[in-house]
């Protein structure tokens, strides 16, 4: 039993050190700039959007909860406290993404290549949106970080990664995932 406890303690010590090293390296990459930063919108309870979804009417959409708004503040604070340089923040046109971007960063613009294509209504847009996202990145010449506030399906398609609500996922311009940061609410 003592041997098992000893092994468990050693494992925990070693894995915590590895996690700290990984977080340090991710933060170093962010401070150096030139990265793509994908952020899944902050916590918005439920899944998908109602059948009466209207992109111009937030009352018809799934929106951030109070926990989501707190999470969005925490996302913004993470960038401020760590002095992460940002070239531009671009959001999906969905209200939950725009609200996340507004709370976290204040200044942002929207682009439809970040819109959700989760529902059958929008699934036909997937290929065009990803193509337009890649074109935008190929034309980007910033030396700071480019932030995208978007949806699970866009991040999953672009990076082959499944993010949690409010999770920050960092990649290089060739869509190779560098790391991720989970932000609590």
N, C-alpha and C. Protein backbone atom coordinates (compact mmCIF):
# COMPACT_ATOMS: atom_id res chain seq x y z
N UNK A 1 0.82 -1.19 0.00
CA UNK A 1 0.00 0.00 0.00
C UNK A 1 0.86 1.26 0.00
N UNK A 2 1.94 1.24 0.81
CA UNK A 2 2.84 2.39 0.86
C UNK A 2 3.50 2.63 -0.50
N UNK A 3 3.89 1.56 -1.14
CA UNK A 3 4.53 1.67 -2.45
C UNK A 3 3.56 2.30 -3.46
N UNK A 4 2.30 1.88 -3.42
CA UNK A 4 1.29 2.43 -4.32
C UNK A 4 1.09 3.93 -4.06
N UNK A 5 1.01 4.32 -2.80
CA UNK A 5 0.89 5.74 -2.45
C UNK A 5 2.10 6.53 -2.92
N UNK A 6 3.28 5.98 -2.74
CA UNK A 6 4.52 6.63 -3.18
C UNK A 6 4.51 6.84 -4.69
N UNK A 7 4.14 5.81 -5.43
CA UNK A 7 4.08 5.91 -6.90
C UNK A 7 3.06 6.96 -7.32
N UNK A 8 1.92 6.99 -6.66
CA UNK A 8 0.88 7.98 -6.97
C UNK A 8 1.39 9.40 -6.72
N UNK A 9 2.07 9.62 -5.63
CA UNK A 9 2.62 10.94 -5.32
C UNK A 9 3.65 11.36 -6.36
N UNK A 10 4.54 10.47 -6.73
CA UNK A 10 5.55 10.76 -7.75
C UNK A 10 4.86 11.10 -9.08
N UNK A 11 3.86 10.32 -9.46
CA UNK A 11 3.12 10.57 -10.70
C UNK A 11 2.50 11.97 -10.70
N UNK A 12 1.86 12.33 -9.59
CA UNK A 12 1.21 13.64 -9.50
C UNK A 12 2.23 14.77 -9.59
N UNK A 13 3.35 14.62 -8.93
CA UNK A 13 4.40 15.64 -8.97
C UNK A 13 4.93 15.79 -10.40
N UNK A 14 5.22 14.68 -11.04
CA UNK A 14 5.76 14.74 -12.40
C UNK A 14 4.76 15.30 -13.41
N UNK A 15 3.50 14.89 -13.33
CA UNK A 15 2.53 15.38 -14.31
C UNK A 15 2.19 16.84 -14.07
N UNK A 16 2.20 17.31 -12.84
CA UNK A 16 1.97 18.74 -12.58
C UNK A 16 3.11 19.57 -13.16
N UNK A 17 4.33 19.08 -13.06
CA UNK A 17 5.49 19.76 -13.65
C UNK A 17 5.38 19.83 -15.16
N UNK A 18 4.93 18.76 -15.78
CA UNK A 18 4.76 18.73 -17.24
C UNK A 18 3.68 19.72 -17.65
N UNK A 19 2.57 19.73 -16.91
CA UNK A 19 1.49 20.66 -17.23
C UNK A 19 1.97 22.10 -17.11
N UNK A 20 2.73 22.43 -16.07
CA UNK A 20 3.25 23.79 -15.88
C UNK A 20 4.18 24.17 -17.01
N UNK A 21 5.05 23.24 -17.43
CA UNK A 21 5.95 23.51 -18.56
C UNK A 21 5.17 23.77 -19.83
N UNK A 22 4.12 22.98 -20.07
CA UNK A 22 3.29 23.14 -21.26
C UNK A 22 2.60 24.49 -21.24
N UNK A 23 2.01 24.87 -20.10
CA UNK A 23 1.34 26.17 -19.99
C UNK A 23 2.33 27.31 -20.19
N UNK A 24 3.53 27.18 -19.66
CA UNK A 24 4.56 28.19 -19.84
C UNK A 24 4.90 28.35 -21.32
N UNK A 25 5.04 27.23 -22.03
CA UNK A 25 5.40 27.27 -23.46
C UNK A 25 4.27 27.89 -24.28
N UNK A 26 3.02 27.56 -23.95
CA UNK A 26 1.87 28.13 -24.65
C UNK A 26 1.85 29.64 -24.44
N UNK A 27 2.04 30.08 -23.22
CA UNK A 27 2.04 31.51 -22.92
C UNK A 27 3.19 32.22 -23.63
N UNK A 28 4.33 31.58 -23.67
CA UNK A 28 5.49 32.15 -24.39
C UNK A 28 5.15 32.33 -25.87
N UNK A 29 4.51 31.33 -26.49
CA UNK A 29 4.09 31.45 -27.89
C UNK A 29 3.12 32.60 -28.08
N UNK A 30 2.16 32.73 -27.16
CA UNK A 30 1.18 33.81 -27.26
C UNK A 30 1.85 35.17 -27.17
N UNK A 31 2.79 35.31 -26.27
CA UNK A 31 3.48 36.60 -26.11
C UNK A 31 4.35 36.93 -27.31
N UNK A 32 4.85 35.91 -28.01
CA UNK A 32 5.66 36.15 -29.20
C UNK A 32 4.83 36.61 -30.39
N UNK A 33 3.53 36.29 -30.40
CA UNK A 33 2.65 36.71 -31.48
C UNK A 33 2.72 35.81 -32.70
N UNK A 34 1.94 36.17 -33.72
CA UNK A 34 1.92 35.42 -34.97
C UNK A 34 1.08 34.16 -34.92
N UNK A 35 0.26 34.00 -33.89
CA UNK A 35 -0.57 32.81 -33.73
C UNK A 35 -2.01 33.07 -34.11
N UNK A 36 -2.72 31.99 -34.38
CA UNK A 36 -4.17 32.03 -34.51
C UNK A 36 -4.72 31.59 -33.17
N UNK A 37 -5.65 32.36 -32.64
CA UNK A 37 -6.25 32.04 -31.36
C UNK A 37 -7.75 31.84 -31.60
N UNK A 38 -8.19 30.61 -31.48
CA UNK A 38 -9.60 30.29 -31.63
C UNK A 38 -10.21 30.22 -30.24
N UNK A 39 -11.30 30.93 -30.03
CA UNK A 39 -12.00 30.88 -28.75
C UNK A 39 -13.43 30.43 -29.02
N UNK A 40 -13.81 29.32 -28.39
CA UNK A 40 -15.21 28.93 -28.46
C UNK A 40 -15.97 29.89 -27.56
N UNK A 41 -17.10 30.40 -28.05
CA UNK A 41 -17.88 31.35 -27.26
C UNK A 41 -18.04 30.86 -25.83
N UNK A 42 -18.20 31.80 -24.92
CA UNK A 42 -18.38 31.47 -23.51
C UNK A 42 -19.67 30.68 -23.31
N UNK A 43 -19.86 30.21 -22.10
CA UNK A 43 -20.95 29.28 -21.78
C UNK A 43 -22.33 29.84 -22.13
N UNK A 44 -23.02 29.12 -22.99
CA UNK A 44 -24.40 29.42 -23.39
C UNK A 44 -25.16 28.11 -23.27
N UNK A 45 -25.98 27.94 -22.25
CA UNK A 45 -26.64 26.65 -21.99
C UNK A 45 -27.42 26.14 -23.20
N UNK A 46 -27.43 24.83 -23.34
CA UNK A 46 -28.17 24.20 -24.43
C UNK A 46 -27.25 23.78 -25.55
N UNK A 47 -27.85 23.47 -26.70
CA UNK A 47 -27.09 23.06 -27.87
C UNK A 47 -27.80 23.52 -29.13
N UNK A 48 -27.04 23.97 -30.10
CA UNK A 48 -27.65 24.43 -31.35
C UNK A 48 -28.45 25.70 -31.13
N UNK A 49 -29.34 25.98 -32.07
CA UNK A 49 -30.20 27.16 -31.97
C UNK A 49 -31.64 26.77 -32.21
N UNK A 50 -32.56 27.58 -31.70
CA UNK A 50 -33.99 27.29 -31.90
C UNK A 50 -34.36 27.32 -33.39
N UNK A 51 -35.47 26.68 -33.73
CA UNK A 51 -35.93 26.64 -35.12
C UNK A 51 -36.21 28.03 -35.67
N UNK A 52 -36.62 28.96 -34.81
CA UNK A 52 -36.95 30.31 -35.28
C UNK A 52 -35.73 31.24 -35.27
N UNK A 53 -34.52 30.67 -35.27
CA UNK A 53 -33.27 31.42 -35.24
C UNK A 53 -33.26 32.52 -36.30
N UNK A 54 -32.92 33.73 -35.87
CA UNK A 54 -32.74 34.88 -36.76
C UNK A 54 -31.43 35.54 -36.37
N UNK A 55 -30.51 35.60 -37.30
CA UNK A 55 -29.18 36.14 -37.01
C UNK A 55 -29.23 37.59 -36.53
N UNK A 56 -30.29 38.31 -36.88
CA UNK A 56 -30.42 39.72 -36.50
C UNK A 56 -31.23 39.92 -35.22
N UNK A 57 -31.65 38.86 -34.57
CA UNK A 57 -32.49 38.96 -33.39
C UNK A 57 -31.96 38.02 -32.30
N UNK A 58 -31.24 38.61 -31.35
CA UNK A 58 -30.64 37.79 -30.28
C UNK A 58 -31.67 37.05 -29.44
N UNK A 59 -32.89 37.55 -29.37
CA UNK A 59 -33.92 36.88 -28.57
C UNK A 59 -34.31 35.53 -29.17
N UNK A 60 -33.95 35.26 -30.42
CA UNK A 60 -34.27 33.98 -31.06
C UNK A 60 -33.10 33.00 -30.98
N UNK A 61 -32.01 33.41 -30.35
CA UNK A 61 -30.79 32.60 -30.32
C UNK A 61 -30.50 32.08 -28.92
N UNK A 62 -29.61 31.10 -28.86
CA UNK A 62 -29.06 30.65 -27.59
C UNK A 62 -28.03 31.68 -27.17
N UNK A 63 -28.13 32.18 -25.97
CA UNK A 63 -27.26 33.27 -25.53
C UNK A 63 -26.46 32.91 -24.29
N UNK A 64 -25.49 33.76 -23.96
CA UNK A 64 -24.68 33.54 -22.77
C UNK A 64 -25.52 33.61 -21.51
N UNK A 65 -25.19 32.77 -20.57
CA UNK A 65 -25.79 32.84 -19.23
C UNK A 65 -24.93 33.81 -18.41
N UNK A 66 -25.31 34.04 -17.16
CA UNK A 66 -24.49 34.87 -16.27
C UNK A 66 -23.10 34.24 -16.10
N UNK A 67 -23.07 32.90 -16.01
CA UNK A 67 -21.78 32.20 -15.91
C UNK A 67 -20.96 32.44 -17.17
N UNK A 68 -21.61 32.44 -18.32
CA UNK A 68 -20.93 32.71 -19.58
C UNK A 68 -20.35 34.11 -19.64
N UNK A 69 -21.11 35.07 -19.14
CA UNK A 69 -20.61 36.45 -19.12
C UNK A 69 -19.39 36.56 -18.19
N UNK A 70 -19.45 35.87 -17.07
CA UNK A 70 -18.30 35.85 -16.16
C UNK A 70 -17.10 35.18 -16.83
N UNK A 71 -17.35 34.11 -17.54
CA UNK A 71 -16.28 33.42 -18.26
C UNK A 71 -15.67 34.34 -19.31
N UNK A 72 -16.48 35.09 -20.03
CA UNK A 72 -15.98 36.03 -21.05
C UNK A 72 -15.10 37.09 -20.39
N UNK A 73 -15.49 37.59 -19.21
CA UNK A 73 -14.64 38.54 -18.47
C UNK A 73 -13.31 37.90 -18.13
N UNK A 74 -13.35 36.64 -17.71
CA UNK A 74 -12.12 35.93 -17.35
C UNK A 74 -11.22 35.72 -18.57
N UNK A 75 -11.80 35.51 -19.72
CA UNK A 75 -11.02 35.38 -20.96
C UNK A 75 -10.28 36.69 -21.22
N UNK A 76 -11.01 37.80 -21.17
CA UNK A 76 -10.39 39.10 -21.38
C UNK A 76 -9.29 39.38 -20.37
N UNK A 77 -9.55 39.05 -19.11
CA UNK A 77 -8.55 39.26 -18.06
C UNK A 77 -7.29 38.44 -18.31
N UNK A 78 -7.46 37.22 -18.82
CA UNK A 78 -6.30 36.38 -19.12
C UNK A 78 -5.37 37.08 -20.12
N UNK A 79 -5.96 37.66 -21.16
CA UNK A 79 -5.17 38.35 -22.17
C UNK A 79 -4.52 39.62 -21.61
N UNK A 80 -5.25 40.36 -20.78
CA UNK A 80 -4.72 41.61 -20.19
C UNK A 80 -3.59 41.33 -19.21
N UNK A 81 -3.84 40.43 -18.28
CA UNK A 81 -2.86 40.13 -17.23
C UNK A 81 -1.56 39.59 -17.83
N UNK A 82 -1.68 38.79 -18.88
CA UNK A 82 -0.50 38.18 -19.48
C UNK A 82 0.09 39.00 -20.62
N UNK A 83 -0.46 40.19 -20.86
CA UNK A 83 0.06 41.11 -21.88
C UNK A 83 0.22 40.43 -23.24
N UNK A 84 -0.82 39.73 -23.66
CA UNK A 84 -0.79 39.01 -24.94
C UNK A 84 -1.15 39.98 -26.06
N UNK A 85 -0.24 40.16 -27.02
CA UNK A 85 -0.49 41.12 -28.10
C UNK A 85 -1.55 40.60 -29.08
N UNK A 86 -2.49 41.47 -29.43
CA UNK A 86 -3.58 41.10 -30.32
C UNK A 86 -3.59 42.04 -31.52
N UNK A 87 -3.57 41.46 -32.70
CA UNK A 87 -3.68 42.22 -33.94
C UNK A 87 -5.13 42.62 -34.18
N UNK A 88 -6.01 41.62 -34.10
CA UNK A 88 -7.41 41.84 -34.41
C UNK A 88 -8.24 40.75 -33.77
N UNK A 89 -9.49 41.10 -33.40
CA UNK A 89 -10.45 40.12 -32.88
C UNK A 89 -11.59 40.06 -33.88
N UNK A 90 -11.88 38.86 -34.35
CA UNK A 90 -12.96 38.65 -35.31
C UNK A 90 -13.94 37.64 -34.70
N UNK A 91 -15.22 37.95 -34.80
CA UNK A 91 -16.25 37.11 -34.20
C UNK A 91 -17.22 36.58 -35.25
N UNK A 92 -17.82 35.45 -34.93
CA UNK A 92 -18.99 34.97 -35.65
C UNK A 92 -20.08 36.03 -35.54
N UNK A 93 -21.05 35.97 -36.41
CA UNK A 93 -22.18 36.90 -36.36
C UNK A 93 -23.24 36.47 -35.34
N UNK A 94 -23.11 35.29 -34.76
CA UNK A 94 -24.05 34.81 -33.75
C UNK A 94 -23.89 35.66 -32.49
N UNK A 95 -25.00 35.95 -31.83
CA UNK A 95 -24.99 36.84 -30.65
C UNK A 95 -24.11 36.34 -29.52
N UNK A 96 -24.07 35.03 -29.26
CA UNK A 96 -23.26 34.53 -28.15
C UNK A 96 -21.77 34.73 -28.40
N UNK A 97 -21.36 34.71 -29.66
CA UNK A 97 -19.96 34.98 -29.99
C UNK A 97 -19.67 36.47 -29.89
N UNK A 98 -20.56 37.29 -30.42
CA UNK A 98 -20.37 38.74 -30.36
C UNK A 98 -20.34 39.22 -28.91
N UNK A 99 -21.20 38.66 -28.07
CA UNK A 99 -21.21 39.07 -26.67
C UNK A 99 -19.92 38.63 -25.98
N UNK A 100 -19.44 37.45 -26.28
CA UNK A 100 -18.16 36.99 -25.72
C UNK A 100 -17.04 37.95 -26.13
N UNK A 101 -16.98 38.29 -27.41
CA UNK A 101 -15.94 39.20 -27.92
C UNK A 101 -16.06 40.58 -27.29
N UNK A 102 -17.27 41.08 -27.18
CA UNK A 102 -17.50 42.41 -26.59
C UNK A 102 -17.05 42.47 -25.14
N UNK A 103 -17.45 41.48 -24.36
CA UNK A 103 -17.08 41.46 -22.94
C UNK A 103 -15.58 41.26 -22.77
N UNK A 104 -15.00 40.34 -23.52
CA UNK A 104 -13.58 40.00 -23.35
C UNK A 104 -12.64 41.06 -23.93
N UNK A 105 -12.98 41.58 -25.10
CA UNK A 105 -12.01 42.41 -25.83
C UNK A 105 -12.49 43.83 -26.16
N UNK A 106 -13.77 44.09 -26.01
CA UNK A 106 -14.40 45.37 -26.33
C UNK A 106 -14.45 45.63 -27.84
N UNK A 107 -13.31 45.68 -28.50
CA UNK A 107 -13.24 46.01 -29.92
C UNK A 107 -13.12 44.73 -30.76
N UNK A 108 -14.04 44.56 -31.71
CA UNK A 108 -14.01 43.38 -32.58
C UNK A 108 -14.79 43.69 -33.85
N UNK A 109 -14.61 42.83 -34.83
CA UNK A 109 -15.42 42.88 -36.04
C UNK A 109 -16.00 41.50 -36.27
N UNK A 110 -16.96 41.40 -37.16
CA UNK A 110 -17.56 40.08 -37.44
C UNK A 110 -17.21 39.64 -38.86
N UNK A 111 -17.24 38.34 -39.04
CA UNK A 111 -17.08 37.76 -40.37
C UNK A 111 -17.85 36.45 -40.42
N UNK A 112 -18.61 36.24 -41.49
CA UNK A 112 -19.47 35.06 -41.57
C UNK A 112 -18.71 33.76 -41.74
N UNK A 113 -17.41 33.79 -42.04
CA UNK A 113 -16.68 32.51 -42.13
C UNK A 113 -16.52 31.87 -40.76
N UNK A 114 -16.84 32.60 -39.69
CA UNK A 114 -16.78 32.04 -38.34
C UNK A 114 -18.14 31.58 -37.83
N UNK A 115 -19.19 31.75 -38.62
CA UNK A 115 -20.54 31.37 -38.20
C UNK A 115 -20.67 29.86 -38.04
N UNK A 116 -21.61 29.46 -37.22
CA UNK A 116 -21.86 28.04 -37.00
C UNK A 116 -22.46 27.40 -38.25
N UNK A 117 -22.08 26.16 -38.48
CA UNK A 117 -22.74 25.35 -39.52
C UNK A 117 -23.21 24.04 -38.90
N UNK A 118 -23.55 24.11 -37.61
CA UNK A 118 -23.99 22.94 -36.87
C UNK A 118 -25.34 22.43 -37.35
N UNK A 119 -26.30 23.34 -37.51
CA UNK A 119 -27.65 22.90 -37.88
C UNK A 119 -27.74 22.60 -39.37
N UNK A 120 -28.71 21.80 -39.70
CA UNK A 120 -28.94 21.43 -41.10
C UNK A 120 -29.15 22.68 -41.97
N UNK A 121 -29.78 23.69 -41.39
CA UNK A 121 -30.06 24.94 -42.09
C UNK A 121 -28.77 25.60 -42.62
N UNK A 122 -27.66 25.46 -41.89
CA UNK A 122 -26.41 26.12 -42.25
C UNK A 122 -25.29 25.16 -42.68
N UNK A 123 -25.52 23.87 -42.64
CA UNK A 123 -24.46 22.89 -42.91
C UNK A 123 -23.89 23.01 -44.33
N UNK A 124 -24.68 23.50 -45.25
CA UNK A 124 -24.21 23.66 -46.63
C UNK A 124 -23.11 24.71 -46.74
N UNK A 125 -22.95 25.56 -45.71
CA UNK A 125 -21.95 26.63 -45.73
C UNK A 125 -20.56 26.19 -45.28
N UNK A 126 -20.45 24.99 -44.72
CA UNK A 126 -19.20 24.53 -44.11
C UNK A 126 -17.99 24.69 -45.02
N UNK A 127 -18.03 24.11 -46.21
CA UNK A 127 -16.87 24.11 -47.10
C UNK A 127 -16.47 25.53 -47.50
N UNK A 128 -17.44 26.34 -47.84
CA UNK A 128 -17.16 27.73 -48.25
C UNK A 128 -16.57 28.53 -47.09
N UNK A 129 -17.13 28.36 -45.90
CA UNK A 129 -16.64 29.10 -44.75
C UNK A 129 -15.19 28.74 -44.43
N UNK A 130 -14.88 27.47 -44.40
CA UNK A 130 -13.50 27.05 -44.09
C UNK A 130 -12.55 27.54 -45.18
N UNK A 131 -12.97 27.48 -46.41
CA UNK A 131 -12.15 28.00 -47.52
C UNK A 131 -11.88 29.49 -47.33
N UNK A 132 -12.92 30.26 -46.97
CA UNK A 132 -12.77 31.70 -46.76
C UNK A 132 -11.92 32.02 -45.53
N UNK A 133 -12.03 31.20 -44.49
CA UNK A 133 -11.20 31.36 -43.31
C UNK A 133 -9.73 31.17 -43.69
N UNK A 134 -9.43 30.12 -44.42
CA UNK A 134 -8.04 29.85 -44.83
C UNK A 134 -7.51 30.95 -45.74
N UNK A 135 -8.34 31.46 -46.62
CA UNK A 135 -7.94 32.56 -47.51
C UNK A 135 -7.60 33.80 -46.68
N UNK A 136 -8.45 34.11 -45.71
CA UNK A 136 -8.21 35.26 -44.85
C UNK A 136 -6.86 35.12 -44.13
N UNK A 137 -6.61 33.96 -43.59
CA UNK A 137 -5.36 33.73 -42.86
C UNK A 137 -4.16 33.80 -43.80
N UNK A 138 -4.28 33.27 -45.00
CA UNK A 138 -3.19 33.34 -45.97
C UNK A 138 -2.84 34.78 -46.34
N UNK A 139 -3.83 35.67 -46.29
CA UNK A 139 -3.61 37.08 -46.63
C UNK A 139 -3.22 37.92 -45.42
N UNK A 140 -3.34 37.36 -44.22
CA UNK A 140 -3.00 38.09 -43.00
C UNK A 140 -1.49 38.19 -42.86
N UNK A 141 -1.01 39.38 -42.52
CA UNK A 141 0.43 39.55 -42.37
C UNK A 141 0.80 40.22 -41.05
N UNK A 142 -0.05 40.02 -40.05
CA UNK A 142 0.22 40.60 -38.74
C UNK A 142 1.30 39.87 -37.98
N UNK A 143 1.94 40.57 -37.05
CA UNK A 143 2.96 39.91 -36.23
C UNK A 143 2.48 39.73 -34.78
N UNK A 144 1.27 40.21 -34.50
CA UNK A 144 0.65 39.94 -33.21
C UNK A 144 -0.22 38.70 -33.38
N UNK A 145 -1.14 38.45 -32.48
CA UNK A 145 -2.03 37.29 -32.58
C UNK A 145 -3.36 37.68 -33.20
N UNK A 146 -3.93 36.76 -33.94
CA UNK A 146 -5.24 36.94 -34.57
C UNK A 146 -6.24 36.10 -33.80
N UNK A 147 -7.28 36.75 -33.25
CA UNK A 147 -8.25 36.07 -32.38
C UNK A 147 -9.55 35.85 -33.13
N UNK A 148 -10.06 34.62 -33.08
CA UNK A 148 -11.34 34.24 -33.67
C UNK A 148 -12.27 33.77 -32.56
N UNK A 149 -13.39 34.45 -32.37
CA UNK A 149 -14.40 34.00 -31.42
C UNK A 149 -15.48 33.30 -32.24
N UNK A 150 -15.62 32.01 -32.03
CA UNK A 150 -16.43 31.21 -32.94
C UNK A 150 -17.12 30.05 -32.21
N UNK A 151 -17.42 29.02 -32.94
CA UNK A 151 -18.23 27.90 -32.47
C UNK A 151 -17.43 26.60 -32.46
N UNK A 152 -17.95 25.64 -31.70
CA UNK A 152 -17.37 24.31 -31.61
C UNK A 152 -17.09 23.73 -33.00
N UNK A 153 -18.09 23.79 -33.91
CA UNK A 153 -17.96 23.13 -35.21
C UNK A 153 -16.86 23.75 -36.06
N UNK A 154 -16.67 25.05 -35.98
CA UNK A 154 -15.63 25.72 -36.77
C UNK A 154 -14.25 25.31 -36.25
N UNK A 155 -14.08 25.33 -34.93
CA UNK A 155 -12.79 24.95 -34.34
C UNK A 155 -12.51 23.48 -34.61
N UNK A 156 -13.51 22.65 -34.46
CA UNK A 156 -13.36 21.22 -34.71
C UNK A 156 -12.95 20.95 -36.17
N UNK A 157 -13.58 21.64 -37.09
CA UNK A 157 -13.28 21.46 -38.52
C UNK A 157 -11.88 21.99 -38.87
N UNK A 158 -11.53 23.16 -38.34
CA UNK A 158 -10.25 23.79 -38.68
C UNK A 158 -9.05 23.11 -38.01
N UNK A 159 -9.23 22.69 -36.76
CA UNK A 159 -8.09 22.19 -35.98
C UNK A 159 -8.20 20.72 -35.58
N UNK A 160 -9.31 20.08 -35.92
CA UNK A 160 -9.52 18.70 -35.52
C UNK A 160 -9.39 18.56 -34.00
N UNK A 161 -10.06 19.48 -33.31
CA UNK A 161 -10.00 19.54 -31.84
C UNK A 161 -11.38 19.90 -31.32
N UNK A 162 -11.77 19.31 -30.21
CA UNK A 162 -13.10 19.54 -29.63
C UNK A 162 -13.00 20.43 -28.40
N UNK A 163 -13.29 21.73 -28.53
CA UNK A 163 -13.13 22.65 -27.40
C UNK A 163 -14.35 22.71 -26.48
N UNK A 164 -14.11 23.08 -25.24
CA UNK A 164 -15.18 23.36 -24.28
C UNK A 164 -15.62 24.81 -24.46
N UNK A 165 -16.74 25.16 -23.87
CA UNK A 165 -17.18 26.55 -23.89
C UNK A 165 -16.12 27.45 -23.27
N UNK A 166 -15.80 28.54 -23.94
CA UNK A 166 -14.82 29.49 -23.44
C UNK A 166 -13.38 29.05 -23.54
N UNK A 167 -13.12 27.91 -24.14
CA UNK A 167 -11.74 27.41 -24.24
C UNK A 167 -10.98 28.17 -25.32
N UNK A 168 -9.73 28.46 -25.04
CA UNK A 168 -8.83 29.14 -25.97
C UNK A 168 -7.94 28.07 -26.60
N UNK A 169 -7.94 28.02 -27.93
CA UNK A 169 -7.14 27.02 -28.64
C UNK A 169 -6.19 27.77 -29.57
N UNK A 170 -4.89 27.52 -29.42
CA UNK A 170 -3.87 28.25 -30.16
C UNK A 170 -3.29 27.35 -31.25
N UNK A 171 -3.15 27.92 -32.46
CA UNK A 171 -2.52 27.17 -33.54
C UNK A 171 -1.58 28.11 -34.31
N UNK A 172 -0.75 27.51 -35.14
CA UNK A 172 0.04 28.33 -36.05
C UNK A 172 -0.81 28.62 -37.29
N UNK A 173 -0.26 29.33 -38.26
CA UNK A 173 -1.06 29.72 -39.43
C UNK A 173 -1.35 28.55 -40.37
N UNK A 174 -0.74 27.42 -40.11
CA UNK A 174 -1.02 26.21 -40.90
C UNK A 174 -2.02 25.30 -40.18
N UNK A 175 -2.68 25.85 -39.16
CA UNK A 175 -3.71 25.15 -38.38
C UNK A 175 -3.16 23.97 -37.59
N UNK A 176 -1.89 24.04 -37.19
CA UNK A 176 -1.32 23.03 -36.31
C UNK A 176 -1.50 23.51 -34.88
N UNK A 177 -2.25 22.75 -34.09
CA UNK A 177 -2.55 23.13 -32.71
C UNK A 177 -1.26 23.19 -31.89
N UNK A 178 -1.09 24.31 -31.20
CA UNK A 178 0.08 24.53 -30.34
C UNK A 178 -0.27 24.22 -28.89
N UNK A 179 -1.48 24.58 -28.50
CA UNK A 179 -1.88 24.36 -27.12
C UNK A 179 -3.28 24.88 -26.87
N UNK A 180 -3.72 24.76 -25.65
CA UNK A 180 -5.06 25.24 -25.29
C UNK A 180 -5.06 25.68 -23.84
N UNK A 181 -6.02 26.56 -23.53
CA UNK A 181 -6.18 27.07 -22.18
C UNK A 181 -7.66 27.03 -21.86
N UNK A 182 -8.01 26.38 -20.78
CA UNK A 182 -9.41 26.33 -20.38
C UNK A 182 -9.66 27.44 -19.37
N UNK A 183 -10.66 28.25 -19.64
CA UNK A 183 -11.00 29.37 -18.78
C UNK A 183 -12.28 29.03 -18.02
N UNK A 184 -12.23 29.15 -16.73
CA UNK A 184 -13.37 28.84 -15.87
C UNK A 184 -14.35 30.00 -15.81
N UNK A 185 -15.52 29.73 -15.33
CA UNK A 185 -16.49 30.81 -15.06
C UNK A 185 -16.87 30.81 -13.62
